[in-house]
Amino acid sequence: MKKIILAISGVTLLLLALGAWQINRWTDTPHGRLTAPAAVLLKLVDLAADQKTDLDPLATRAARRKSISLVTGSPTPVFKVDDMRIPGPAQPIPVRIYQPTDMPAAKPVIVYFHGGGWVVGDLDSHDNLCRSLAVKTNAIVVAVDYRLAPEHRFPAAVDDAYAAVLWVAANSRILGADPAKMVVAGDSAGGNLAAVVAQLSRDLGGPRLRAQVLLYPAVDLSRLDRQSTTDFASGLFLTRERMRWFIDLYVPDKAARFSPKVSPLLAASYQGVAPAIVVTAKFDPLRDEGEEYADALRNAGVPVHLRRFEGMIHGFMSMDRWFPEAGEATNWVSEQLIDLLK
């Protein structure tokens, strides 16, 4: 019996060693090292995913909804969560309002736009990220379920996003929010909308925003040839072809992609927009345009806090079940935001 136990233990240790060796191989790329969880997750995605770019948007949305519980951790407790509909330019806009505590004092308010290529994503896909931001910043978070393409192409998402900001500003007292401490935020496509809304608020005399939080944002839809887009074109969750598919559905008019309402990086001026907090990921096709936008804002005199997360992939902040870096990133963003709101 002792020999059998020793043999089983030996085989187990050998398998573990082989597994660790294989994972270590997966982490090594021509452009640096992924974290081990990132490498494993990408391998699982690669084995399970349909890589075609002509998928039906409804099927893509259904697949994303099924995957939420696989990548997000247990919901962060907040004092209160309310779902409601607010007036929109074409139809009521669903929103989800997170109240972090029952303290009566007026709190900052973050208007959050989810990612998903303007085609997928909803209030559930980014629920835990919004909860974490609410708790860590002690701010009310209003998540906006803007209209999606291709049923509603540009400028529907922009119109909904700006309408939501105007509504929050007009109803801040009812929400228990401080109208002098409004923030827009979003990730990926939502980061695009947050950047666009920050410019619109400046240009149209909208609410004075205290900050814009841009998490691995898409800010230039006119081109897909930057170095990071080329280096990380495939095999790293968000692919260049998938990005092309999203853009084609959201803005089929190629000339419109040069509008700053689509590509905020192409704005004539960046002066006067809200201070920015920008997060990028090393292994993200959108990394370079996000960092280029941060540089452009900084050069225009806009205060910018930029941090690149090494070893990470696009969307990592919504994958807190896999990545401890998701918590590290929300901690860092919250620290910068609290400082800007003083």
Foldseek 3Di string as FASTA:
>chain_A
DVVVVVVVVVVVVVVVVVVVVVLQVQQDDPQHGAPSLLSVVLVVCVVPDDPDQPDDLVVVQVVLVVCLPVQADDADDADDKDWDWDDFPVHTWIKIKTQRDPDLAAFAEEEEEEDDLLRYDACVSCVRVQNLLCNLQVYMYIYTGWHGWPVDAPPRRLRRSLVVQQVCLVCSVVSSHDLLAYEYEYEAQRLCSQLLNLVCCQVVVHRQYLEYEYELYQQQPLDQDDPLLVSQQDSNPDHSSNSVSSCCGHPVPNVCSLDCSNHVLNDPALPPGHAYEYEAEPNESSRVVSVSSQVRNVVRVHHYHYDYHYSDYGPNLSRVVRDPVVVVVSNVVSVVSSVSRD
